[in-house]
């Protein structure tokens, strides 16, 4: 759900960047707040923003849990020899 919410926001931002490039108008590009305003202006935009917000919160919780419990195995340094 969180990755889908990020995809929606990034898709709207990407669409605005493509539109700005086609129109040769850098002011047409939107950031995160502009993407949220564009979604809010759609029919059922308020509901969509609540669903996207819940998804972004879920992604944040996932990221914190992943950062806390992930184990990264260290690789041996380049040129290091193992003595046994």
PDB file of N, CA and C in Angstrom:
ATOM      1  N   UNK A   1       0.831  -1.195   0.000  1.00  0.00           N
ATOM      2  CA  UNK A   1       0.000   0.000   0.000  1.00  0.00           C
ATOM      3  C   UNK A   1       0.876   1.260   0.000  1.00  0.00           C
ATOM      4  N   UNK A   2       1.957   1.232   0.759  1.00  0.00           N
ATOM      5  CA  UNK A   2       2.839   2.397   0.838  1.00  0.00           C
ATOM      6  C   UNK A   2       3.578   2.666  -0.456  1.00  0.00           C
ATOM      7  N   UNK A   3       4.039   1.598  -1.088  1.00  0.00           N
ATOM      8  CA  UNK A   3       4.762   1.777  -2.348  1.00  0.00           C
ATOM      9  C   UNK A   3       3.804   2.272  -3.432  1.00  0.00           C
ATOM     10  N   UNK A   4       2.565   1.800  -3.403  1.00  0.00           N
ATOM     11  CA  UNK A   4       1.568   2.279  -4.366  1.00  0.00           C
ATOM     12  C   UNK A   4       1.279   3.767  -4.157  1.00  0.00           C
ATOM     13  N   UNK A   5       1.221   4.200  -2.910  1.00  0.00           N
ATOM     14  CA  UNK A   5       0.987   5.621  -2.620  1.00  0.00           C
ATOM     15  C   UNK A   5       2.141   6.464  -3.133  1.00  0.00           C
ATOM     16  N   UNK A   6       3.368   5.987  -2.910  1.00  0.00           N
ATOM     17  CA  UNK A   6       4.530   6.709  -3.441  1.00  0.00           C
ATOM     18  C   UNK A   6       4.485   6.751  -4.961  1.00  0.00           C
ATOM     19  N   UNK A   7       4.051   5.651  -5.582  1.00  0.00           N
ATOM     20  CA  UNK A   7       3.982   5.599  -7.039  1.00  0.00           C
ATOM     21  C   UNK A   7       2.989   6.617  -7.589  1.00  0.00           C
ATOM     22  N   UNK A   8       1.862   6.791  -6.912  1.00  0.00           N
ATOM     23  CA  UNK A   8       0.864   7.767  -7.372  1.00  0.00           C
ATOM     24  C   UNK A   8       1.450   9.177  -7.317  1.00  0.00           C
ATOM     25  N   UNK A   9       2.045   9.532  -6.188  1.00  0.00           N
ATOM     26  CA  UNK A   9       2.614  10.873  -6.046  1.00  0.00           C
ATOM     27  C   UNK A   9       3.735  11.092  -7.064  1.00  0.00           C
ATOM     28  N   UNK A  10       4.639  10.122  -7.180  1.00  0.00           N
ATOM     29  CA  UNK A  10       5.745  10.277  -8.130  1.00  0.00           C
ATOM     30  C   UNK A  10       5.259  10.268  -9.577  1.00  0.00           C
ATOM     31  N   UNK A  11       4.177   9.541  -9.851  1.00  0.00           N
ATOM     32  CA  UNK A  11       3.599   9.553 -11.190  1.00  0.00           C
ATOM     33  C   UNK A  11       3.041  10.914 -11.565  1.00  0.00           C
ATOM     34  N   UNK A  12       2.359  11.556 -10.627  1.00  0.00           N
ATOM     35  CA  UNK A  12       1.820  12.897 -10.883  1.00  0.00           C
ATOM     36  C   UNK A  12       2.972  13.894 -11.076  1.00  0.00           C
ATOM     37  N   UNK A  13       4.004  13.784 -10.245  1.00  0.00           N
ATOM     38  CA  UNK A  13       5.166  14.672 -10.394  1.00  0.00           C
ATOM     39  C   UNK A  13       5.838  14.431 -11.743  1.00  0.00           C
ATOM     40  N   UNK A  14       6.027  13.170 -12.103  1.00  0.00           N
ATOM     41  CA  UNK A  14       6.648  12.850 -13.391  1.00  0.00           C
ATOM     42  C   UNK A  14       5.825  13.351 -14.565  1.00  0.00           C
ATOM     43  N   UNK A  15       4.496  13.204 -14.462  1.00  0.00           N
ATOM     44  CA  UNK A  15       3.624  13.719 -15.523  1.00  0.00           C
ATOM     45  C   UNK A  15       3.739  15.225 -15.669  1.00  0.00           C
ATOM     46  N   UNK A  16       3.860  15.923 -14.548  1.00  0.00           N
ATOM     47  CA  UNK A  16       3.989  17.378 -14.624  1.00  0.00           C
ATOM     48  C   UNK A  16       5.347  17.772 -15.205  1.00  0.00           C
ATOM     49  N   UNK A  17       6.383  16.986 -14.925  1.00  0.00           N
ATOM     50  CA  UNK A  17       7.696  17.279 -15.516  1.00  0.00           C
ATOM     51  C   UNK A  17       7.681  17.064 -17.023  1.00  0.00           C
ATOM     52  N   UNK A  18       7.020  16.006 -17.470  1.00  0.00           N
ATOM     53  CA  UNK A  18       6.903  15.762 -18.920  1.00  0.00           C
ATOM     54  C   UNK A  18       6.104  16.876 -19.573  1.00  0.00           C
ATOM     55  N   UNK A  19       5.004  17.269 -18.931  1.00  0.00           N
ATOM     56  CA  UNK A  19       4.175  18.362 -19.471  1.00  0.00           C
ATOM     57  C   UNK A  19       4.977  19.662 -19.550  1.00  0.00           C
ATOM     58  N   UNK A  20       5.768  19.950 -18.509  1.00  0.00           N
ATOM     59  CA  UNK A  20       6.584  21.166 -18.506  1.00  0.00           C
ATOM     60  C   UNK A  20       7.618  21.123 -19.624  1.00  0.00           C
ATOM     61  N   UNK A  21       8.176  19.958 -19.882  1.00  0.00           N
ATOM     62  CA  UNK A  21       9.173  19.831 -20.955  1.00  0.00           C
ATOM     63  C   UNK A  21       8.529  20.021 -22.328  1.00  0.00           C
ATOM     64  N   UNK A  22       7.352  19.455 -22.521  1.00  0.00           N
ATOM     65  CA  UNK A  22       6.668  19.585 -23.812  1.00  0.00           C
ATOM     66  C   UNK A  22       6.261  21.032 -24.069  1.00  0.00           C
ATOM     67  N   UNK A  23       5.801  21.721 -23.031  1.00  0.00           N
ATOM     68  CA  UNK A  23       5.346  23.109 -23.169  1.00  0.00           C
ATOM     69  C   UNK A  23       6.478  24.133 -23.074  1.00  0.00           C
ATOM     70  N   UNK A  24       7.690  23.652 -22.803  1.00  0.00           N
ATOM     71  CA  UNK A  24       8.832  24.550 -22.589  1.00  0.00           C
ATOM     72  C   UNK A  24       8.510  25.586 -21.504  1.00  0.00           C
ATOM     73  N   UNK A  25       7.829  25.129 -20.470  1.00  0.00           N
ATOM     74  CA  UNK A  25       7.411  26.010 -19.382  1.00  0.00           C
ATOM     75  C   UNK A  25       7.840  25.393 -18.050  1.00  0.00           C
ATOM     76  N   UNK A  26       8.956  25.833 -17.488  1.00  0.00           N
ATOM     77  CA  UNK A  26       9.403  25.232 -16.230  1.00  0.00           C
ATOM     78  C   UNK A  26       8.450  25.496 -15.072  1.00  0.00           C
ATOM     79  N   UNK A  27       7.596  26.489 -15.177  1.00  0.00           N
ATOM     80  CA  UNK A  27       6.638  26.772 -14.110  1.00  0.00           C
ATOM     81  C   UNK A  27       5.517  25.740 -14.046  1.00  0.00           C
ATOM     82  N   UNK A  28       5.366  24.919 -15.087  1.00  0.00           N
ATOM     83  CA  UNK A  28       4.330  23.888 -15.093  1.00  0.00           C
ATOM     84  C   UNK A  28       4.741  22.661 -14.283  1.00  0.00           C
ATOM     85  N   UNK A  29       6.011  22.562 -13.931  1.00  0.00           N
ATOM     86  CA  UNK A  29       6.479  21.424 -13.128  1.00  0.00           C
ATOM     87  C   UNK A  29       5.981  21.560 -11.703  1.00  0.00           C
ATOM     88  N   UNK A  30       5.606  20.429 -11.115  1.00  0.00           N
ATOM     89  CA  UNK A  30       5.082  20.430  -9.749  1.00  0.00           C
ATOM     90  C   UNK A  30       5.958  19.567  -8.860  1.00  0.00           C
ATOM     91  N   UNK A  31       5.968  19.923  -7.605  1.00  0.00           N
ATOM     92  CA  UNK A  31       6.631  19.101  -6.593  1.00  0.00           C
ATOM     93  C   UNK A  31       5.586  18.284  -5.858  1.00  0.00           C
ATOM     94  N   UNK A  32       5.928  17.838  -4.679  1.00  0.00           N
ATOM     95  CA  UNK A  32       5.013  17.012  -3.895  1.00  0.00           C
ATOM     96  C   UNK A  32       3.739  17.768  -3.527  1.00  0.00           C
ATOM     97  N   UNK A  33       3.875  19.003  -3.089  1.00  0.00           N
ATOM     98  CA  UNK A  33       2.671  19.763  -2.699  1.00  0.00           C
ATOM     99  C   UNK A  33       1.790  20.059  -3.905  1.00  0.00           C
ATOM    100  N   UNK A  34       2.411  20.339  -5.055  1.00  0.00           N
ATOM    101  CA  UNK A  34       1.636  20.566  -6.267  1.00  0.00           C
ATOM    102  C   UNK A  34       0.905  19.313  -6.718  1.00  0.00           C
ATOM    103  N   UNK A  35       1.556  18.171  -6.560  1.00  0.00           N
ATOM    104  CA  UNK A  35       0.905  16.903  -6.907  1.00  0.00           C
ATOM    105  C   UNK A  35      -0.282  16.649  -5.991  1.00  0.00           C
ATOM    106  N   UNK A  36      -0.136  16.955  -4.718  1.00  0.00           N
ATOM    107  CA  UNK A  36      -1.244  16.773  -3.781  1.00  0.00           C
ATOM    108  C   UNK A  36      -2.389  17.728  -4.090  1.00  0.00           C
ATOM    109  N   UNK A  37      -2.063  18.958  -4.473  1.00  0.00           N
ATOM    110  CA  UNK A  37      -3.122  19.911  -4.857  1.00  0.00           C
ATOM    111  C   UNK A  37      -3.861  19.426  -6.095  1.00  0.00           C
ATOM    112  N   UNK A  38      -3.111  18.852  -7.054  1.00  0.00           N
ATOM    113  CA  UNK A  38      -3.735  18.352  -8.272  1.00  0.00           C
ATOM    114  C   UNK A  38      -4.654  17.173  -7.954  1.00  0.00           C
ATOM    115  N   UNK A  39      -4.231  16.294  -7.090  1.00  0.00           N
ATOM    116  CA  UNK A  39      -5.068  15.158  -6.694  1.00  0.00           C
ATOM    117  C   UNK A  39      -6.297  15.646  -5.939  1.00  0.00           C
ATOM    118  N   UNK A  40      -6.136  16.643  -5.077  1.00  0.00           N
ATOM    119  CA  UNK A  40      -7.260  17.170  -4.299  1.00  0.00           C
ATOM    120  C   UNK A  40      -8.310  17.807  -5.202  1.00  0.00           C
ATOM    121  N   UNK A  41      -7.906  18.329  -6.347  1.00  0.00           N
ATOM    122  CA  UNK A  41      -8.842  18.986  -7.263  1.00  0.00           C
ATOM    123  C   UNK A  41      -9.663  17.976  -8.061  1.00  0.00           C
ATOM    124  N   UNK A  42      -9.291  16.692  -8.034  1.00  0.00           N
ATOM    125  CA  UNK A  42     -10.020  15.660  -8.772  1.00  0.00           C
ATOM    126  C   UNK A  42     -11.303  15.291  -8.028  1.00  0.00           C
ATOM    127  N   UNK A  43     -12.259  14.660  -8.756  1.00  0.00           N
ATOM    128  CA  UNK A  43     -13.429  14.135  -8.036  1.00  0.00           C
ATOM    129  C   UNK A  43     -12.968  13.106  -6.994  1.00  0.00           C
ATOM    130  N   UNK A  44     -13.532  13.144  -5.836  1.00  0.00           N
ATOM    131  CA  UNK A  44     -13.151  12.286  -4.709  1.00  0.00           C
ATOM    132  C   UNK A  44     -11.695  12.507  -4.310  1.00  0.00           C
ATOM    133  N   UNK A  45     -11.173  13.692  -4.576  1.00  0.00           N
ATOM    134  CA  UNK A  45      -9.781  14.008  -4.273  1.00  0.00           C
ATOM    135  C   UNK A  45      -9.460  13.939  -2.794  1.00  0.00           C
ATOM    136  N   UNK A  46     -10.384  14.353  -1.949  1.00  0.00           N
ATOM    137  CA  UNK A  46     -10.171  14.285  -0.509  1.00  0.00           C
ATOM    138  C   UNK A  46      -9.976  12.850  -0.041  1.00  0.00           C
ATOM    139  N   UNK A  47     -10.816  11.963  -0.554  1.00  0.00           N
ATOM    140  CA  UNK A  47     -10.689  10.546  -0.206  1.00  0.00           C
ATOM    141  C   UNK A  47      -9.374   9.977  -0.736  1.00  0.00           C
ATOM    142  N   UNK A  48      -9.021  10.359  -1.939  1.00  0.00           N
ATOM    143  CA  UNK A  48      -7.769   9.866  -2.515  1.00  0.00           C
ATOM    144  C   UNK A  48      -6.575  10.333  -1.685  1.00  0.00           C
ATOM    145  N   UNK A  49      -6.614  11.586  -1.234  1.00  0.00           N
ATOM    146  CA  UNK A  49      -5.525  12.091  -0.407  1.00  0.00           C
ATOM    147  C   UNK A  49      -5.443  11.361   0.928  1.00  0.00           C
ATOM    148  N   UNK A  50      -6.589  11.009   1.504  1.00  0.00           N
ATOM    149  CA  UNK A  50      -6.568  10.258   2.762  1.00  0.00           C
ATOM    150  C   UNK A  50      -5.976   8.864   2.555  1.00  0.00           C
ATOM    151  N   UNK A  51      -6.324   8.219   1.451  1.00  0.00           N
ATOM    152  CA  UNK A  51      -5.779   6.891   1.163  1.00  0.00           C
ATOM    153  C   UNK A  51      -4.281   6.978   0.894  1.00  0.00           C
ATOM    154  N   UNK A  52      -3.867   7.982   0.127  1.00  0.00           N
ATOM    155  CA  UNK A  52      -2.443   8.167  -0.159  1.00  0.00           C
ATOM    156  C   UNK A  52      -1.690   8.498   1.125  1.00  0.00           C
ATOM    157  N   UNK A  53      -2.273   9.332   1.972  1.00  0.00           N
ATOM    158  CA  UNK A  53      -1.640   9.661   3.256  1.00  0.00           C
ATOM    159  C   UNK A  53      -1.468   8.432   4.137  1.00  0.00           C
ATOM    160  N   UNK A  54      -2.501   7.590   4.194  1.00  0.00           N
ATOM    161  CA  UNK A  54      -2.394   6.351   4.978  1.00  0.00           C
ATOM    162  C   UNK A  54      -1.312   5.449   4.399  1.00  0.00           C
ATOM    163  N   UNK A  55      -1.222   5.411   3.078  1.00  0.00           N
ATOM    164  CA  UNK A  55      -0.185   4.608   2.443  1.00  0.00           C
ATOM    165  C   UNK A  55       1.206   5.131   2.741  1.00  0.00           C
ATOM    166  N   UNK A  56       1.366   6.438   2.734  1.00  0.00           N
ATOM    167  CA  UNK A  56       2.675   7.022   3.035  1.00  0.00           C
ATOM    168  C   UNK A  56       3.054   6.796   4.500  1.00  0.00           C
ATOM    169  N   UNK A  57       2.075   6.841   5.387  1.00  0.00           N
ATOM    170  CA  UNK A  57       2.345   6.526   6.791  1.00  0.00           C
ATOM    171  C   UNK A  57       2.762   5.069   6.921  1.00  0.00           C
ATOM    172  N   UNK A  58       2.056   4.175   6.227  1.00  0.00           N
ATOM    173  CA  UNK A  58       2.407   2.757   6.263  1.00  0.00           C
ATOM    174  C   UNK A  58       3.819   2.531   5.727  1.00  0.00           C
ATOM    175  N   UNK A  59       4.182   3.250   4.676  1.00  0.00           N
ATOM    176  CA  UNK A  59       5.529   3.113   4.128  1.00  0.00           C
ATOM    177  C   UNK A  59       6.571   3.621   5.121  1.00  0.00           C
ATOM    178  N   UNK A  60       6.275   4.698   5.822  1.00  0.00           N
ATOM    179  CA  UNK A  60       7.195   5.221   6.829  1.00  0.00           C
ATOM    180  C   UNK A  60       7.401   4.231   7.965  1.00  0.00           C
ATOM    181  N   UNK A  61       6.316   3.601   8.423  1.00  0.00           N
ATOM    182  CA  UNK A  61       6.433   2.585   9.472  1.00  0.00           C
ATOM    183  C   UNK A  61       7.278   1.421   8.975  1.00  0.00           C
ATOM    184  N   UNK A  62       7.016   0.980   7.751  1.00  0.00           N
ATOM    185  CA  UNK A  62       7.802  -0.098   7.153  1.00  0.00           C
ATOM    186  C   UNK A  62       9.283   0.272   7.085  1.00  0.00           C
ATOM    187  N   UNK A  63       9.582   1.492   6.676  1.00  0.00           N
ATOM    188  CA  UNK A  63      10.976   1.920   6.552  1.00  0.00           C
ATOM    189  C   UNK A  63      11.673   1.936   7.910  1.00  0.00           C
ATOM    190  N   UNK A  64      10.985   2.408   8.959  1.00  0.00           N
ATOM    191  CA  UNK A  64      11.578   2.408  10.295  1.00  0.00           C
ATOM    192  C   UNK A  64      11.817   0.991  10.804  1.00  0.00           C
ATOM    193  N   UNK A  65      10.851   0.105  10.592  1.00  0.00           N
ATOM    194  CA  UNK A  65      11.023  -1.288  11.030  1.00  0.00           C
ATOM    195  C   UNK A  65      12.149  -1.943  10.244  1.00  0.00           C
ATOM    196  N   UNK A  66      12.199  -1.705   8.952  1.00  0.00           N
ATOM    197  CA  UNK A  66      13.259  -2.257   8.118  1.00  0.00           C
ATOM    198  C   UNK A  66      14.629  -1.740   8.551  1.00  0.00           C
ATOM    199  N   UNK A  67      14.722  -0.466   8.873  1.00  0.00           N
ATOM    200  CA  UNK A  67      16.003   0.097   9.304  1.00  0.00           C
ATOM    201  C   UNK A  67      16.430  -0.483  10.653  1.00  0.00           C
ATOM    202  N   UNK A  68      15.484  -0.764  11.515  1.00  0.00           N
ATOM    203  CA  UNK A  68      15.820  -1.277  12.842  1.00  0.00           C
ATOM    204  C   UNK A  68      16.306  -2.724  12.795  1.00  0.00           C
ATOM    205  N   UNK A  69      15.666  -3.569  11.995  1.00  0.00           N
ATOM    206  CA  UNK A  69      15.928  -5.000  12.059  1.00  0.00           C
ATOM    207  C   UNK A  69      16.742  -5.557  10.895  1.00  0.00           C
ATOM    208  N   UNK A  70      17.099  -4.758   9.918  1.00  0.00           N
ATOM    209  CA  UNK A  70      17.871  -5.261   8.783  1.00  0.00           C
ATOM    210  C   UNK A  70      19.297  -5.541   9.219  1.00  0.00           C
ATOM    211  N   UNK A  71      19.831  -6.651   8.761  1.00  0.00           N
ATOM    212  CA  UNK A  71      21.213  -7.018   9.026  1.00  0.00           C
ATOM    213  C   UNK A  71      21.972  -6.977   7.712  1.00  0.00           C
ATOM    214  N   UNK A  72      23.052  -6.241   7.692  1.00  0.00           N
ATOM    215  CA  UNK A  72      23.883  -6.119   6.498  1.00  0.00           C
ATOM    216  C   UNK A  72      25.195  -6.831   6.766  1.00  0.00           C
ATOM    217  N   UNK A  73      25.509  -7.809   5.937  1.00  0.00           N
ATOM    218  CA  UNK A  73      26.745  -8.555   6.104  1.00  0.00           C
ATOM    219  C   UNK A  73      27.877  -7.767   5.452  1.00  0.00           C
ATOM    220  N   UNK A  74      28.963  -7.603   6.205  1.00  0.00           N
ATOM    221  CA  UNK A  74      30.117  -6.871   5.687  1.00  0.00           C
ATOM    222  C   UNK A  74      30.904  -7.756   4.727  1.00  0.00           C
ATOM    223  N   UNK A  75      31.316  -7.178   3.631  1.00  0.00           N
ATOM    224  CA  UNK A  75      32.164  -7.892   2.676  1.00  0.00           C
ATOM    225  C   UNK A  75      33.612  -7.667   3.076  1.00  0.00           C
ATOM    226  N   UNK A  76      34.488  -8.633   2.801  1.00  0.00           N
ATOM    227  CA  UNK A  76      35.899  -8.408   3.120  1.00  0.00           C
ATOM    228  C   UNK A  76      36.459  -7.269   2.264  1.00  0.00           C
ATOM    229  N   UNK A  77      37.383  -6.537   2.852  1.00  0.00           N
ATOM    230  CA  UNK A  77      37.989  -5.414   2.132  1.00  0.00           C
ATOM    231  C   UNK A  77      38.775  -5.922   0.939  1.00  0.00           C
ATOM    232  N   UNK A  78      38.870  -5.108  -0.089  1.00  0.00           N
ATOM    233  CA  UNK A  78      39.619  -5.477  -1.290  1.00  0.00           C
ATOM    234  C   UNK A  78      41.083  -5.697  -0.939  1.00  0.00           C
ATOM    235  N   UNK A  79      41.636  -6.813  -1.362  1.00  0.00           N
ATOM    236  CA  UNK A  79      43.049  -7.107  -1.107  1.00  0.00           C
ATOM    237  C   UNK A  79      43.305  -7.708   0.244  1.00  0.00           C
ATOM    238  N   UNK A  80      42.266  -7.894   1.034  1.00  0.00           N
ATOM    239  CA  UNK A  80      42.473  -8.475   2.357  1.00  0.00           C
ATOM    240  C   UNK A  80      42.667  -9.982   2.233  1.00  0.00           C
ATOM    241  N   UNK A  81      43.570 -10.517   3.013  1.00  0.00           N
ATOM    242  CA  UNK A  81      43.797 -11.956   3.009  1.00  0.00           C
ATOM    243  C   UNK A  81      43.343 -12.537   4.331  1.00  0.00           C
ATOM    244  N   UNK A  82      42.886 -13.721   4.270  1.00  0.00           N
ATOM    245  CA  UNK A  82      42.453 -14.421   5.471  1.00  0.00           C
ATOM    246  C   UNK A  82      43.533 -15.380   5.896  1.00  0.00           C
ATOM    247  N   UNK A  83      43.973 -15.304   7.109  1.00  0.00           N
ATOM    248  CA  UNK A  83      44.987 -16.237   7.589  1.00  0.00           C
ATOM    249  C   UNK A  83      44.320 -17.285   8.464  1.00  0.00           C
ATOM    250  N   UNK A  84      44.562 -18.523   8.152  1.00  0.00           N
ATOM    251  CA  UNK A  84      43.999 -19.637   8.932  1.00  0.00           C
ATOM    252  C   UNK A  84      45.074 -20.563   9.334  1.00  0.00           C
TER     253      UNK A  84
END
